[in-house]
Protein backbone atom coordinates (compact mmCIF):
# COMPACT_ATOMS: atom_id res chain seq x y z
CA MET A 1 117.95 -66.74 80.80
CA SER A 2 114.64 -65.47 81.48
CA ARG A 3 115.27 -64.06 85.17
CA PHE A 4 117.78 -61.56 86.85
CA GLU A 5 119.12 -63.82 89.24
CA ASP A 6 120.36 -65.96 86.29
CA LEU A 7 122.66 -62.84 85.30
CA GLY A 8 124.86 -63.24 88.10
CA LEU A 9 123.77 -60.13 90.12
CA ILE A 10 124.47 -59.74 93.90
CA GLU A 11 121.66 -59.97 96.28
CA PRO A 12 121.18 -55.92 96.95
CA LEU A 13 120.94 -55.73 93.04
CA LEU A 14 118.35 -58.24 92.89
CA ARG A 15 116.34 -56.74 95.66
CA ALA A 16 116.44 -53.41 94.09
CA VAL A 17 115.12 -54.80 91.02
CA LYS A 18 112.36 -56.60 92.33
CA GLU A 19 111.16 -53.43 94.03
CA GLU A 20 111.15 -51.66 90.97
CA GLY A 21 109.05 -53.96 89.65
CA TYR A 22 111.17 -55.95 87.15
CA ASP A 23 110.45 -59.44 86.59
CA THR A 24 112.03 -60.38 83.01
CA PRO A 25 115.26 -58.75 82.07
CA THR A 26 114.83 -57.19 78.44
CA PRO A 27 117.02 -58.62 75.49
CA ILE A 28 119.88 -56.12 76.03
CA GLN A 29 119.97 -56.81 79.70
CA GLN A 30 120.22 -60.18 78.87
CA ARG A 31 122.95 -59.88 76.46
CA THR A 32 124.89 -57.04 78.40
CA ILE A 33 124.98 -57.56 81.88
CA LYS A 34 127.22 -60.69 82.12
CA PRO A 35 130.08 -58.99 79.68
CA VAL A 36 129.88 -55.49 81.50
CA ALA A 37 130.47 -57.18 84.77
CA GLU A 38 133.31 -59.32 83.79
CA GLY A 39 135.08 -55.90 82.86
CA LYS A 40 135.08 -56.00 78.78
CA ASP A 41 134.52 -53.33 76.28
CA LEU A 42 131.05 -53.31 74.72
CA LEU A 43 129.66 -51.51 71.76
CA GLY A 44 125.84 -51.56 71.88
CA VAL A 45 123.14 -50.65 69.13
CA ALA A 46 119.82 -50.23 70.87
CA GLN A 47 116.71 -47.97 70.07
CA THR A 48 115.31 -46.49 72.76
CA GLY A 49 112.95 -47.69 75.29
CA THR A 50 114.66 -51.05 75.43
CA GLY A 51 116.23 -51.21 79.41
CA LYS A 52 119.44 -49.93 77.99
CA THR A 53 120.47 -47.84 81.45
CA ALA A 54 119.62 -50.69 83.58
CA ALA A 55 121.67 -52.90 81.34
CA PHE A 56 124.74 -50.84 82.27
CA ALA A 57 123.62 -49.73 85.63
CA LEU A 58 123.39 -52.63 87.36
CA PRO A 59 126.65 -54.39 86.00
CA ILE A 60 128.76 -51.22 86.73
CA LEU A 61 127.16 -51.09 90.19
CA GLN A 62 128.06 -55.02 90.69
CA ARG A 63 132.07 -54.01 89.63
CA LEU A 64 132.46 -51.12 92.04
CA GLN A 65 130.84 -53.44 95.09
CA SER A 66 133.46 -55.75 94.09
CA VAL A 67 136.61 -53.56 95.53
CA PRO A 68 136.98 -51.51 98.31
CA VAL A 69 135.99 -47.81 98.30
CA PRO A 70 138.90 -45.85 98.03
CA SER A 71 139.80 -43.20 100.85
CA PRO A 72 139.80 -40.07 99.74
CA ARG A 73 137.11 -40.94 96.97
CA HIS A 74 137.23 -39.68 93.84
CA VAL A 75 135.29 -40.30 90.65
CA ARG A 76 135.74 -44.28 89.40
CA VAL A 77 132.42 -43.90 86.72
CA LEU A 78 132.19 -41.35 84.47
CA VAL A 79 128.45 -41.56 81.93
CA LEU A 80 128.61 -38.91 79.41
CA SER A 81 124.89 -37.86 77.88
CA PRO A 82 123.99 -35.48 75.50
CA THR A 83 120.77 -33.63 77.14
CA ARG A 84 120.01 -32.44 80.84
CA GLU A 85 117.30 -34.67 80.99
CA LEU A 86 118.66 -37.83 80.09
CA ALA A 87 121.88 -37.18 82.39
CA SER A 88 118.97 -36.56 85.14
CA GLN A 89 117.15 -39.86 84.34
CA ILE A 90 120.43 -41.73 84.37
CA GLY A 91 121.39 -40.33 87.67
CA GLU A 92 117.72 -41.68 89.15
CA SER A 93 118.74 -45.17 87.77
CA PHE A 94 121.82 -45.36 89.72
CA ALA A 95 119.79 -44.07 92.74
CA ARG A 96 117.37 -46.69 92.67
CA TYR A 97 119.38 -49.55 91.71
CA GLY A 98 122.15 -48.68 94.32
CA ARG A 99 119.71 -47.92 96.97
CA PHE A 100 120.92 -51.04 99.19
CA LEU A 101 124.52 -50.14 98.28
CA HIS A 102 126.77 -47.38 99.67
CA PHE A 103 127.80 -45.60 96.32
CA ARG A 104 127.97 -41.56 96.01
CA HIS A 105 126.86 -40.05 92.76
CA THR A 106 126.07 -36.55 91.00
CA VAL A 107 124.90 -35.38 87.88
CA ILE A 108 126.56 -32.42 86.09
CA PHE A 109 124.93 -30.17 83.26
CA GLY A 110 124.60 -26.59 82.38
CA GLY A 111 121.70 -23.88 82.58
CA VAL A 112 121.55 -24.07 86.68
CA GLY A 113 124.47 -22.98 89.23
CA GLN A 114 127.35 -25.24 89.20
CA ASN A 115 127.80 -24.58 93.13
CA PRO A 116 125.79 -27.71 93.84
CA GLN A 117 128.12 -29.56 91.88
CA THR A 118 131.34 -28.55 92.59
CA THR A 119 130.59 -28.99 96.19
CA ALA A 120 129.56 -32.29 95.46
CA LEU A 121 132.86 -33.40 93.58
CA ARG A 122 135.29 -31.92 96.49
CA HIS A 123 133.06 -34.04 99.14
CA GLY A 124 133.94 -37.47 96.91
CA VAL A 125 131.95 -38.98 94.42
CA ASP A 126 132.02 -42.25 92.90
CA ILE A 127 129.90 -41.74 89.88
CA VAL A 128 129.44 -38.94 87.72
CA ILE A 129 126.77 -38.48 85.42
CA ALA A 130 127.33 -35.15 82.85
CA THR A 131 126.82 -33.47 79.43
CA PRO A 132 130.12 -32.15 77.89
CA GLY A 133 130.15 -28.89 77.77
CA ARG A 134 129.54 -28.02 81.50
CA LEU A 135 132.17 -31.34 82.57
CA LEU A 136 134.76 -29.43 80.43
CA ASP A 137 134.22 -26.23 82.36
CA LEU A 138 134.92 -27.98 85.87
CA ILE A 139 138.05 -29.83 83.86
CA GLU A 140 139.41 -26.32 83.17
CA GLN A 141 138.55 -24.94 86.53
CA GLY A 142 140.68 -27.77 87.97
CA ILE A 143 137.21 -28.86 89.80
CA ALA A 144 136.61 -32.25 88.32
CA LYS A 145 139.23 -34.56 88.05
CA LEU A 146 138.83 -37.75 86.11
CA GLU A 147 142.51 -39.28 85.67
CA LYS A 148 141.51 -42.07 87.92
CA VAL A 149 138.29 -43.05 86.05
CA GLY A 150 137.81 -46.56 85.12
CA ILE A 151 134.61 -47.36 83.61
CA PHE A 152 133.70 -44.84 80.98
CA VAL A 153 130.15 -44.69 79.41
CA LEU A 154 129.37 -43.02 76.27
CA ASP A 155 125.50 -42.79 75.72
CA GLU A 156 123.34 -41.81 72.85
CA ALA A 157 126.43 -41.23 70.75
CA ASP A 158 124.67 -40.59 67.78
CA ARG A 159 122.55 -37.99 69.39
CA MET A 160 126.09 -36.47 70.40
CA LEU A 161 126.84 -36.25 66.79
CA ASP A 162 123.65 -34.44 65.73
CA MET A 163 124.06 -31.74 68.36
CA GLY A 164 127.31 -30.89 67.62
CA PHE A 165 129.16 -32.37 71.00
CA ILE A 166 131.20 -35.01 69.17
CA HIS A 167 134.79 -32.50 69.19
CA ASP A 168 133.71 -32.16 73.31
CA VAL A 169 133.64 -35.82 73.52
CA ARG A 170 136.62 -36.39 71.83
CA ARG A 171 138.03 -33.71 74.57
CA VAL A 172 136.65 -35.52 77.26
CA ILE A 173 138.09 -38.37 76.27
CA GLY A 174 141.61 -37.45 76.06
CA LYS A 175 141.43 -36.62 79.97
CA LEU A 176 140.59 -40.01 80.80
CA PRO A 177 143.53 -43.02 81.54
CA LYS A 178 144.07 -45.16 78.79
CA GLN A 179 143.68 -48.41 80.96
CA ARG A 180 139.61 -48.01 81.38
CA GLN A 181 136.15 -50.03 80.29
CA THR A 182 134.63 -48.53 78.19
CA LEU A 183 130.79 -49.09 77.13
CA PHE A 184 129.60 -47.10 73.73
CA PHE A 185 125.72 -47.08 73.19
CA SER A 186 124.28 -45.39 69.89
CA ALA A 187 120.78 -45.76 68.24
CA THR A 188 122.12 -45.54 64.64
CA MET A 189 125.60 -45.93 63.68
CA PRO A 190 126.68 -43.03 60.98
CA GLN A 191 130.51 -43.14 59.84
CA GLU A 192 131.79 -40.91 62.39
CA ILE A 193 130.03 -42.75 64.99
CA GLN A 194 131.61 -45.89 63.65
CA ALA A 195 135.05 -44.00 63.45
CA LEU A 196 134.76 -42.74 67.10
CA SER A 197 133.94 -46.45 68.60
CA ARG A 198 136.87 -47.92 66.54
CA ASP A 199 139.03 -45.08 68.30
CA ILE A 200 137.92 -45.31 71.67
CA LEU A 201 137.01 -49.54 72.26
CA SER A 202 139.46 -52.24 72.56
CA ASN A 203 138.09 -55.78 71.15
CA PRO A 204 134.40 -54.77 72.29
CA VAL A 205 131.64 -57.35 72.42
CA ARG A 206 129.27 -56.21 70.20
CA ILE A 207 125.50 -56.17 70.87
CA GLU A 208 122.86 -55.34 68.29
CA VAL A 209 119.55 -56.08 70.07
CA THR A 210 117.43 -54.50 66.77
CA PRO A 211 118.49 -53.37 63.64
CA PRO A 212 119.26 -49.83 63.74
CA ALA A 213 116.77 -47.27 63.02
CA THR A 214 113.78 -50.00 63.30
CA THR A 215 110.45 -49.32 65.30
CA VAL A 216 109.16 -51.09 67.72
CA GLU A 217 106.51 -54.00 66.59
CA LYS A 218 104.31 -53.60 69.59
CA ILE A 219 103.20 -49.74 68.15
CA THR A 220 99.95 -49.32 66.39
CA GLN A 221 101.03 -46.75 63.39
CA SER A 222 98.68 -44.33 61.75
CA LEU A 223 98.84 -41.53 59.31
CA PHE A 224 96.42 -38.35 58.65
CA HIS A 225 96.80 -36.50 55.27
CA VAL A 226 96.12 -32.63 56.79
CA ASP A 227 97.03 -29.33 55.84
CA ARG A 228 99.13 -27.60 58.39
CA HIS A 229 96.22 -24.99 59.03
CA GLY A 230 94.17 -27.99 59.87
CA LYS A 231 96.75 -29.53 62.25
CA PHE A 232 95.32 -28.03 65.37
CA GLY A 233 91.78 -28.88 64.93
CA LEU A 234 92.47 -32.19 64.23
CA LEU A 235 94.84 -32.68 67.21
CA ARG A 236 91.97 -31.14 69.19
CA LYS A 237 89.52 -33.37 68.05
CA LEU A 238 91.89 -36.60 68.70
CA LEU A 239 92.03 -35.40 72.49
CA GLN A 240 88.45 -35.55 72.72
CA ASP A 241 88.95 -39.48 72.89
CA PRO A 242 89.93 -40.22 76.47
CA ALA A 243 92.07 -43.04 75.28
CA LEU A 244 94.68 -40.44 74.71
CA LYS A 245 95.21 -40.14 78.35
CA ARG A 246 99.22 -39.46 78.43
CA THR A 247 100.34 -37.86 75.06
CA LEU A 248 103.49 -37.14 73.72
CA VAL A 249 103.56 -34.62 70.55
CA PHE A 250 106.69 -33.67 68.91
CA THR A 251 106.90 -30.38 66.70
CA ARG A 252 110.11 -29.31 64.28
CA THR A 253 110.78 -26.04 66.16
CA LYS A 254 110.85 -24.57 69.73
CA ARG A 255 108.26 -21.62 68.65
CA GLY A 256 105.76 -24.29 67.47
CA ALA A 257 106.04 -26.31 70.35
CA ASN A 258 105.69 -23.21 72.34
CA LYS A 259 102.55 -22.11 70.14
CA LEU A 260 101.03 -25.69 70.30
CA ALA A 261 101.32 -25.68 73.82
CA GLU A 262 99.45 -22.44 74.36
CA GLN A 263 96.86 -23.48 72.02
CA LEU A 264 96.05 -26.71 73.78
CA ASN A 265 95.72 -24.62 77.38
CA ALA A 266 93.14 -22.20 75.83
CA ALA A 267 91.27 -25.42 74.09
CA PHE A 268 91.25 -26.47 78.06
CA VAL A 269 93.70 -29.14 77.10
CA LYS A 270 96.69 -29.17 80.24
CA ALA A 271 99.87 -29.16 78.23
CA ASP A 272 103.32 -28.11 79.07
CA ALA A 273 106.25 -27.51 76.06
CA ILE A 274 109.70 -28.46 76.84
CA HIS A 275 112.73 -27.51 74.70
CA GLY A 276 116.40 -26.36 74.73
CA ASN A 277 115.47 -22.78 75.18
CA LYS A 278 113.56 -23.44 78.44
CA ALA A 279 115.02 -23.04 81.68
CA GLN A 280 116.25 -26.39 83.45
CA SER A 281 114.05 -25.75 86.32
CA ALA A 282 110.97 -24.82 83.56
CA ARG A 283 112.14 -28.30 81.69
CA GLU A 284 112.25 -30.53 85.22
CA ARG A 285 108.53 -28.79 86.20
CA ALA A 286 107.26 -30.01 82.68
CA LEU A 287 108.66 -33.53 82.65
CA GLU A 288 107.16 -33.90 86.29
CA ASN A 289 104.04 -32.96 85.75
CA PHE A 290 103.68 -34.94 82.88
CA LYS A 291 105.35 -37.97 84.60
CA ARG A 292 102.39 -37.40 87.88
CA GLY A 293 99.65 -36.70 85.12
CA LEU A 294 99.02 -33.31 85.81
CA SER A 295 99.81 -32.62 81.99
CA ARG A 296 98.02 -34.50 79.85
CA VAL A 297 100.13 -33.57 76.66
CA LEU A 298 103.84 -32.44 76.53
CA VAL A 299 104.77 -30.97 73.30
CA ALA A 300 108.68 -31.41 72.78
CA THR A 301 111.43 -31.08 70.23
CA ASP A 302 113.19 -34.00 68.67
CA ILE A 303 116.79 -32.98 70.77
CA ALA A 304 114.67 -32.07 74.41
CA ALA A 305 112.93 -35.70 74.01
CA ARG A 306 115.98 -37.61 74.26
CA GLY A 307 115.93 -37.22 78.04
CA ILE A 308 112.16 -38.46 78.58
CA ASP A 309 111.77 -41.50 80.16
CA VAL A 310 108.46 -41.81 81.36
CA ASP A 311 106.45 -44.95 81.43
CA GLY A 312 102.55 -45.05 80.56
CA VAL A 313 102.64 -42.72 77.30
CA THR A 314 99.81 -43.95 75.77
CA HIS A 315 99.97 -41.97 72.64
CA VAL A 316 102.82 -40.38 70.54
CA VAL A 317 101.56 -37.60 67.66
CA ASN A 318 104.31 -36.28 65.09
CA PHE A 319 102.23 -32.79 64.52
CA ASP A 320 105.16 -32.10 62.27
CA MET A 321 106.94 -34.54 60.34
CA PRO A 322 110.74 -34.88 61.27
CA ASP A 323 113.43 -33.52 59.16
CA VAL A 324 115.75 -36.74 59.77
CA PRO A 325 113.73 -39.57 59.36
CA GLU A 326 115.67 -41.84 62.03
CA ASN A 327 114.21 -38.96 64.44
CA TYR A 328 110.60 -40.62 63.43
CA VAL A 329 111.60 -43.86 65.44
CA HIS A 330 113.08 -42.03 68.25
CA ARG A 331 110.04 -40.69 68.69
CA ILE A 332 107.66 -43.25 68.47
CA GLY A 333 109.86 -45.14 70.89
CA ARG A 334 108.48 -43.30 73.78
CA THR A 335 105.45 -45.26 73.91
CA ALA A 336 105.29 -49.06 73.88
CA ARG A 337 108.26 -49.15 76.76
CA ALA A 338 109.09 -51.96 79.08
CA GLY A 339 106.79 -54.52 76.79
CA ALA A 340 103.78 -52.53 76.64
CA GLU A 341 101.57 -51.22 73.46
CA GLY A 342 101.55 -47.73 72.42
CA ASN A 343 99.97 -45.72 69.67
CA ALA A 344 102.15 -43.59 67.05
CA ILE A 345 99.80 -40.80 65.04
CA ALA A 346 101.49 -38.87 62.21
CA PHE A 347 99.90 -35.64 60.62
CA CYS A 348 101.37 -35.21 56.90
CA ALA A 349 100.81 -31.79 54.79
CA PRO A 350 101.17 -31.72 51.43
CA GLU A 351 104.80 -30.13 51.68
CA GLU A 352 105.73 -33.02 53.94
CA ARG A 353 105.17 -36.01 51.95
CA ASP A 354 109.09 -35.80 50.92
CA GLU A 355 109.54 -36.58 54.66
CA LEU A 356 106.73 -39.15 55.18
CA LYS A 357 108.56 -40.99 52.12
CA ALA A 358 111.85 -41.00 53.79
CA VAL A 359 110.60 -42.53 57.12
CA GLU A 360 108.57 -45.25 55.05
CA ARG A 361 111.80 -46.06 53.21
CA LEU A 362 113.70 -46.07 56.45
CA ILE A 363 111.15 -48.58 58.60
CA ARG A 364 110.01 -50.87 55.30
CA PHE A 365 106.47 -50.20 56.31
CA ARG A 366 103.99 -48.19 54.56
CA ILE A 367 101.90 -45.86 57.46
CA PRO A 368 98.10 -47.01 57.17
CA VAL A 369 95.90 -43.92 56.54
CA LYS A 370 93.00 -43.15 58.47
CA PRO A 371 90.21 -40.42 57.09
CA VAL A 372 90.23 -36.97 58.53
CA PRO A 373 87.07 -36.35 60.65
CA ALA A 374 84.48 -34.11 59.31
CA GLY A 375 84.49 -30.84 60.44
CA ILE A 376 88.28 -30.47 60.44
CA ALA A 377 89.36 -27.37 58.29
CA HIS A 378 91.72 -27.50 55.30
CA PRO A 379 91.74 -31.52 54.93
CA ALA A 380 94.66 -32.37 52.49
CA PRO A 381 93.71 -35.00 50.05
CA GLU A 382 95.84 -38.10 49.97
CA PRO A 383 98.41 -38.14 47.34
CA ALA A 384 97.05 -39.72 43.72
CA ALA A 385 98.70 -42.59 42.46
CA PRO A 386 100.89 -41.14 39.09
CA GLN A 387 98.76 -42.09 36.14
CA GLY A 388 99.92 -42.45 32.33
CA PRO A 389 104.05 -41.70 32.07
CA ARG A 390 105.52 -39.61 34.38
CA PRO A 391 106.69 -36.02 32.45
CA VAL A 392 110.29 -36.00 31.22
CA PRO A 393 112.88 -33.78 33.22
CA GLY A 394 113.37 -30.62 31.67
CA ALA A 395 109.84 -30.71 29.95
CA HIS A 396 108.12 -27.33 29.84
CA GLY A 397 110.37 -24.54 30.29
CA HIS A 398 113.37 -26.86 31.32
CA GLY A 399 114.60 -26.94 27.34
CA ALA A 400 111.55 -28.93 26.13
CA HIS A 401 109.15 -27.30 23.20
CA ARG A 402 105.56 -26.68 24.05
CA PRO A 403 102.92 -28.23 22.13
CA ALA A 404 102.15 -25.70 19.64
CA GLN A 405 99.00 -23.63 20.55
CA PRO A 406 97.14 -21.48 18.41
CA GLN A 407 98.01 -18.03 17.18
CA HIS A 408 96.03 -15.12 18.40
CA PRO A 409 94.01 -13.66 15.22
CA HIS A 410 95.04 -10.34 15.89
CA PRO A 411 98.47 -10.13 17.18
CA ARG A 412 99.84 -7.28 18.89
CA PRO A 413 103.00 -5.48 17.27
CA GLY A 414 106.16 -5.58 18.85
CA PRO A 415 108.02 -2.37 20.62
CA ALA A 416 108.69 0.15 18.51
CA SER A 417 112.55 0.12 17.07
CA HIS A 418 113.36 3.90 16.91
CA GLY A 419 114.58 3.92 20.63
CA HIS A 420 111.17 4.46 22.79
CA ALA A 421 110.26 1.68 25.13
CA ASP A 422 106.98 -0.30 24.53
CA HIS A 423 104.88 0.23 28.11
CA ARG A 424 102.39 -2.63 26.68
CA LEU A 425 102.64 -5.98 28.66
CA PRO A 426 104.61 -8.35 26.95
CA GLN A 427 102.70 -11.57 25.51
CA PRO A 428 105.28 -14.36 24.68
CA GLY A 429 104.49 -16.66 21.66
CA PRO A 430 103.92 -20.34 21.81
CA HIS A 431 108.04 -20.68 21.59
CA ALA A 432 109.14 -18.47 24.01
CA GLY A 433 112.71 -19.16 25.21
CA VAL A 434 113.49 -20.90 21.74
CA PRO A 435 115.64 -19.38 19.95
CA ARG A 436 114.57 -18.72 16.14
CA PRO A 437 117.04 -19.41 13.17
CA GLN A 438 117.84 -16.35 11.28
CA ALA A 439 119.27 -16.05 8.01
CA PRO A 440 122.73 -14.04 8.30
CA ALA A 441 122.71 -10.51 6.73
CA THR A 442 125.67 -9.54 4.16
CA PRO A 443 126.79 -5.89 4.34
CA SER A 444 124.67 -4.81 1.07
CA GLN A 445 121.71 -5.95 2.75
CA ALA A 446 120.17 -3.61 5.20
CA PRO A 447 118.02 -5.29 8.07
CA ALA A 448 114.08 -5.55 7.65
CA PRO A 449 112.46 -3.91 10.68
CA GLN A 450 110.97 -6.65 13.00
CA ALA A 451 109.88 -6.69 16.44
CA PRO A 452 112.47 -8.61 18.59
CA HIS A 453 111.59 -11.53 20.44
CA PRO A 454 110.23 -11.07 23.93
CA THR A 455 113.03 -12.96 25.48
CA ALA A 456 115.89 -12.09 23.13
CA PRO A 457 118.69 -9.73 24.67
CA ALA A 458 118.29 -6.19 23.58
CA ARG A 459 118.59 -2.66 25.03
CA HIS A 460 114.46 -2.43 25.55
CA SER A 461 114.70 -5.02 27.89
CA VAL A 462 115.56 -2.80 31.00
CA PRO A 463 112.77 -0.51 30.43
CA ARG A 464 110.32 -3.82 29.28
CA ARG A 465 110.90 -5.11 32.95
CA ILE A 466 109.99 -1.81 34.62
CA ALA A 467 107.01 -1.44 32.34
CA TRP A 468 105.88 -5.11 33.50
CA ARG A 469 106.11 -4.01 37.15
CA LYS A 470 104.42 -0.54 36.84
CA HIS A 471 101.64 -2.59 35.19
CA ARG A 472 101.57 -5.13 38.00
CA ARG A 473 101.38 -2.39 40.55
């Protein structure tokens, strides 16, 4: 089936799809729309940028159209989203696809006043798109009522787990009627998400468009080995290329996102930052500026990025390598959307090479390395291939003997044995840390005075450490 007409959609939805400029359904849309329209539960494993929202929004609207609108209106569809941005994007999608129908929807999330949300609920809505926290607040206030929900969608379930919302999700599910249709979407399927899907789905249709956490084939990936102090200079150098028209840059921390956006603006590159500590109005403004082309660069953290659904992102830059390798897949999936081509660039500092190895293991692909342009400060050399046998774990300071070193021709005498601390610097011998065998002394033999080993426990150990500190000062 290569056309939306072949999926059995009603004429108002086909007209809306055509006005959106959609010609051919994506693989997940081809396999999802019919079973959802038939009322079946569904488990969808799909990475970002696959057309997932339309895959469940279109058949849900068709199902609502097939039955009379109740009077008074009540919530018949609930969509749970992990972030405010993603909830807003889903709400916009329902509005666009349902423009020729007559359904009401509202979006509920925290960080803003609740009065407009409570007003919409009291006037009656058919579809609610919500984040878990604010929805639970409204349920506890008796404003949001879910006992008549017939279709429940859990979107980005793995991100719910990452953000610590999984217990709130279970609480919301406990408020829903047992008899309902459930649609469950996740980019990855960790154990806890698999357990949750088994608990809430009934004989689901499983659709796995691509293997979990695989990268989009149309993305050209590249890698720069650069010291962390040279990352900003490298980014500024790359942005001199006009091909980086709409660039999404990922940092590991919120503070790093703010700092980088400030540096870019100081360098006359219009940039905004988006992360969880920003006010909702600031986040919406930053996203709108990026969509309209008023900002060339949007700097984001991983959590905030799940709500970024912007067409035409030409480049994604991993300014910091992600702590979780799956996040690399989510990051670069922001480009090459809807069949377009895109570019993903990664900056890897020496201390981030373990994260790079984890990413390459996950995607089963060695990212091509590019040379750092001339004039960039602190370029880090590429990691050299190991030569010769690898050192045995535990060698040099972990239980193995060091190679013998020549003794100094005039070794320093050890500390005096009459109770005074020696204030000279201790000089460990070649076998420091290895206890020396000594013959047991008999009661009739007096121990010969000798200097204690530098690492041997003795009553002078504390004064010697104090002497060491004094010398270092």
